[in-house]
Amino acid sequence: MNISLVGRHVELTDPIKQHLNSSIETLKKFHLDIISVCAVASANERKGKTGVSVEFTINLASKNSVVIKQNETDLYAAIDIAIDRAQKALRRMHDRDVDHHKVGINEVKALSNGHIDIHEAADKEEDEIVPVELELYKPREVADVLEELKESGKMFSIFLDHEGKTRVLYKRNDGRFGLY
């Protein structure tokens, strides 16, 4: 891992460099093939307030670069917060790589000691369609549906009459019944 430390309008003393190096070394624990880390510390003054900003650019092999920017009044605080944010981002990338391991058919066979027949399991997984004739589609008399509606306590019933029309028998608010 290549580490480059740059100070813009900020003098990087030996204790600051040591703190940056030790902080960057903590990023190795995620095993993400870090190619290089560039840390840029710069002084900034906005609206009369002085402060520092730290920017970490972490280049990873076969992944996008991670860029973390942090503004604070204290350089050490900015470094610590930026490193925490970088660790969080790298932890997410590491967890995504580890958690999304796909198990193949050979691993499943090995776990079951070879007692699984693939063709038999595939046959069990296929859906079987059984045709069922619903009562809804049988022609019915209005009087029969009215008696059923009174006994059941339902608010409405949908049915086909003998002419093939879809009808709705419903209970009205005044206690009588209506028919569409």
Protein backbone atom coordinates (compact mmCIF):
# COMPACT_ATOMS: atom_id res chain seq x y z
CA MET A 1 0.00 0.00 0.00
CA ASN A 2 1.40 3.37 -1.05
CA ILE A 3 0.78 6.21 1.36
CA SER A 4 1.21 9.83 0.39
CA LEU A 5 0.76 12.67 2.86
CA VAL A 6 0.31 16.23 1.59
CA GLY A 7 -0.03 19.43 3.58
CA ARG A 8 -1.49 22.52 1.90
CA HIS A 9 -0.90 25.63 3.97
CA VAL A 10 -0.42 23.27 6.92
CA GLU A 11 2.91 22.04 8.14
CA LEU A 12 2.87 18.28 8.65
CA THR A 13 5.05 17.74 11.69
CA ASP A 14 6.41 14.32 12.65
CA PRO A 15 3.65 13.66 15.26
CA ILE A 16 0.96 14.52 12.68
CA LYS A 17 2.60 12.26 10.08
CA GLN A 18 2.87 9.46 12.64
CA HIS A 19 -0.82 9.90 13.58
CA LEU A 20 -1.84 9.83 9.91
CA ASN A 21 0.26 6.73 9.17
CA SER A 22 -1.03 4.82 12.19
CA SER A 23 -4.61 5.79 11.29
CA ILE A 24 -4.18 4.66 7.70
CA GLU A 25 -2.65 1.36 8.82
CA THR A 26 -5.95 0.52 10.56
CA LEU A 27 -7.60 0.30 7.12
CA LYS A 28 -5.64 -2.88 6.30
CA LYS A 29 -7.82 -5.02 8.56
CA PHE A 30 -10.62 -5.11 5.96
CA HIS A 31 -8.48 -7.06 3.42
CA LEU A 32 -9.72 -5.10 0.42
CA ASP A 33 -6.48 -4.83 -1.62
CA ILE A 34 -5.82 -1.16 -0.99
CA ILE A 35 -3.48 0.12 -3.68
CA SER A 36 -2.82 3.59 -2.33
CA VAL A 37 -4.03 6.13 0.18
CA CYS A 38 -3.55 9.84 -0.38
CA ALA A 39 -4.13 12.10 2.64
CA VAL A 40 -4.36 15.84 2.01
CA ALA A 41 -4.52 18.22 4.96
CA SER A 42 -5.26 21.82 4.13
CA ALA A 43 -6.01 25.01 6.03
CA ASN A 44 -9.17 26.85 5.11
CA GLU A 45 -10.78 30.04 6.22
CA ARG A 46 -14.44 30.69 5.64
CA LYS A 47 -16.41 33.65 6.90
CA GLY A 48 -13.64 34.62 9.29
CA LYS A 49 -13.38 31.16 10.84
CA THR A 50 -10.17 29.21 10.51
CA GLY A 51 -10.11 25.46 10.33
CA VAL A 52 -8.58 22.51 8.60
CA SER A 53 -9.90 19.95 6.18
CA VAL A 54 -8.63 16.44 5.64
CA GLU A 55 -9.29 14.46 2.48
CA PHE A 56 -8.54 10.77 2.14
CA THR A 57 -8.55 9.17 -1.31
CA ILE A 58 -8.40 5.39 -1.02
CA ASN A 59 -7.73 3.52 -4.27
CA LEU A 60 -8.88 -0.10 -4.22
CA ALA A 61 -8.08 -2.88 -6.66
CA SER A 62 -11.05 -3.71 -8.93
CA LYS A 63 -13.37 -1.34 -7.05
CA ASN A 64 -14.23 2.34 -7.08
CA SER A 65 -12.08 4.76 -5.13
CA VAL A 66 -13.33 5.95 -1.76
CA VAL A 67 -13.05 9.68 -1.08
CA ILE A 68 -13.63 11.03 2.42
CA LYS A 69 -13.57 14.78 3.19
CA GLN A 70 -13.81 16.18 6.71
CA ASN A 71 -13.73 19.79 7.95
CA GLU A 72 -12.95 20.57 11.59
CA THR A 73 -11.25 23.20 13.71
CA ASP A 74 -8.64 20.74 15.01
CA LEU A 75 -6.44 18.70 12.67
CA TYR A 76 -6.29 15.62 14.91
CA ALA A 77 -10.09 15.61 15.29
CA ALA A 78 -10.51 15.89 11.52
CA ILE A 79 -8.14 12.96 10.98
CA ASP A 80 -9.93 10.78 13.53
CA ILE A 81 -13.42 11.51 12.18
CA ALA A 82 -12.32 11.00 8.57
CA ILE A 83 -10.66 7.67 9.43
CA ASP A 84 -13.83 6.52 11.23
CA ARG A 85 -15.87 7.36 8.15
CA ALA A 86 -13.35 5.56 5.91
CA GLN A 87 -13.46 2.49 8.15
CA LYS A 88 -17.25 2.50 7.99
CA ALA A 89 -17.21 2.67 4.18
CA LEU A 90 -14.60 -0.09 3.88
CA ARG A 91 -16.49 -2.24 6.42
CA ARG A 92 -19.61 -1.95 4.25
CA MET A 93 -17.63 -3.00 1.17
CA HIS A 94 -16.05 -5.90 3.04
CA ASP A 95 -19.38 -7.09 4.43
CA ARG A 96 -20.94 -6.88 0.98
CA ASP A 97 -18.16 -9.05 -0.44
CA VAL A 98 -18.31 -11.60 2.37
CA ASP A 99 -22.08 -11.83 2.85
CA HIS A 100 -22.93 -12.26 -0.80
CA HIS A 101 -21.07 -15.52 -1.26
CA LYS A 102 -23.17 -17.74 -3.49
CA VAL A 103 -23.43 -21.40 -2.64
CA GLY A 104 -23.25 -23.66 -5.65
CA ILE A 105 -24.87 -27.04 -6.19
CA ASN A 106 -21.66 -28.90 -5.36
CA GLU A 107 -21.42 -27.22 -1.95
CA VAL A 108 -25.04 -28.16 -1.22
CA LYS A 109 -24.36 -31.76 -2.22
CA ALA A 110 -21.28 -31.86 -0.02
CA LEU A 111 -23.23 -30.50 2.96
CA SER A 112 -25.95 -33.13 2.51
CA ASN A 113 -23.40 -35.94 2.11
CA GLY A 114 -24.62 -36.62 -1.42
CA HIS A 115 -28.13 -37.76 -0.43
CA ILE A 116 -29.90 -35.28 -2.72
CA ASP A 117 -31.10 -36.31 -6.16
CA ILE A 118 -31.22 -33.15 -8.26
CA HIS A 119 -33.85 -34.44 -10.69
CA GLU A 120 -36.14 -35.53 -7.87
CA ALA A 121 -35.76 -32.16 -6.14
CA ALA A 122 -36.54 -30.34 -9.40
CA ASP A 123 -39.69 -32.43 -9.90
CA LYS A 124 -40.85 -31.52 -6.39
CA GLU A 125 -40.31 -27.83 -7.09
CA GLU A 126 -42.54 -27.77 -10.19
CA ASP A 127 -46.01 -26.38 -9.62
CA GLU A 128 -48.99 -28.56 -10.32
CA ILE A 129 -52.11 -26.83 -11.61
CA VAL A 130 -55.39 -28.44 -10.66
CA PRO A 131 -58.46 -26.97 -12.33
CA VAL A 132 -61.29 -26.19 -9.93
CA GLU A 133 -64.76 -25.06 -10.89
CA LEU A 134 -65.78 -22.20 -8.68
CA GLU A 135 -69.33 -21.71 -7.48
CA LEU A 136 -69.07 -18.09 -8.52
CA TYR A 137 -69.30 -19.05 -12.19
CA LYS A 138 -72.33 -21.34 -11.89
CA PRO A 139 -75.60 -19.64 -12.83
CA ARG A 140 -77.78 -19.03 -9.76
CA GLU A 141 -81.24 -17.76 -8.98
CA VAL A 142 -81.63 -14.37 -7.28
CA ALA A 143 -83.89 -15.92 -4.61
CA ASP A 144 -81.22 -18.49 -3.66
CA VAL A 145 -78.53 -15.80 -3.40
CA LEU A 146 -80.90 -13.62 -1.32
CA GLU A 147 -81.50 -16.44 1.20
CA GLU A 148 -77.75 -17.14 1.41
CA LEU A 149 -77.01 -13.45 1.92
CA LYS A 150 -79.56 -13.18 4.75
CA GLU A 151 -78.11 -16.22 6.55
CA SER A 152 -74.43 -15.30 6.18
CA GLY A 153 -74.54 -11.69 7.35
CA LYS A 154 -72.45 -10.55 4.38
CA MET A 155 -72.99 -7.12 2.89
CA PHE A 156 -73.05 -8.26 -0.77
CA SER A 157 -72.74 -11.27 -3.04
CA ILE A 158 -71.54 -11.46 -6.66
CA PHE A 159 -72.95 -14.15 -8.94
CA LEU A 160 -73.95 -15.03 -12.51
CA ASP A 161 -77.65 -15.27 -13.34
CA HIS A 162 -79.16 -17.71 -15.88
CA GLU A 163 -78.78 -15.13 -18.67
CA GLY A 164 -74.97 -15.05 -18.14
CA LYS A 165 -74.91 -11.56 -16.61
CA THR A 166 -72.71 -10.80 -13.60
CA ARG A 167 -74.99 -9.56 -10.83
CA VAL A 168 -74.43 -8.04 -7.38
CA LEU A 169 -76.98 -8.45 -4.62
CA TYR A 170 -76.31 -6.08 -1.73
CA LYS A 171 -77.79 -5.04 1.61
CA ARG A 172 -78.87 -1.40 1.74
CA ASN A 173 -78.64 0.89 4.76
CA ASP A 174 -82.41 0.80 5.27
CA GLY A 175 -82.34 -3.01 5.69
CA ARG A 176 -83.73 -3.83 2.23
CA PHE A 177 -81.73 -5.42 -0.60
CA GLY A 178 -80.57 -4.01 -3.93
CA LEU A 179 -79.64 -5.79 -7.16
CA TYR A 180 -77.26 -4.59 -9.85
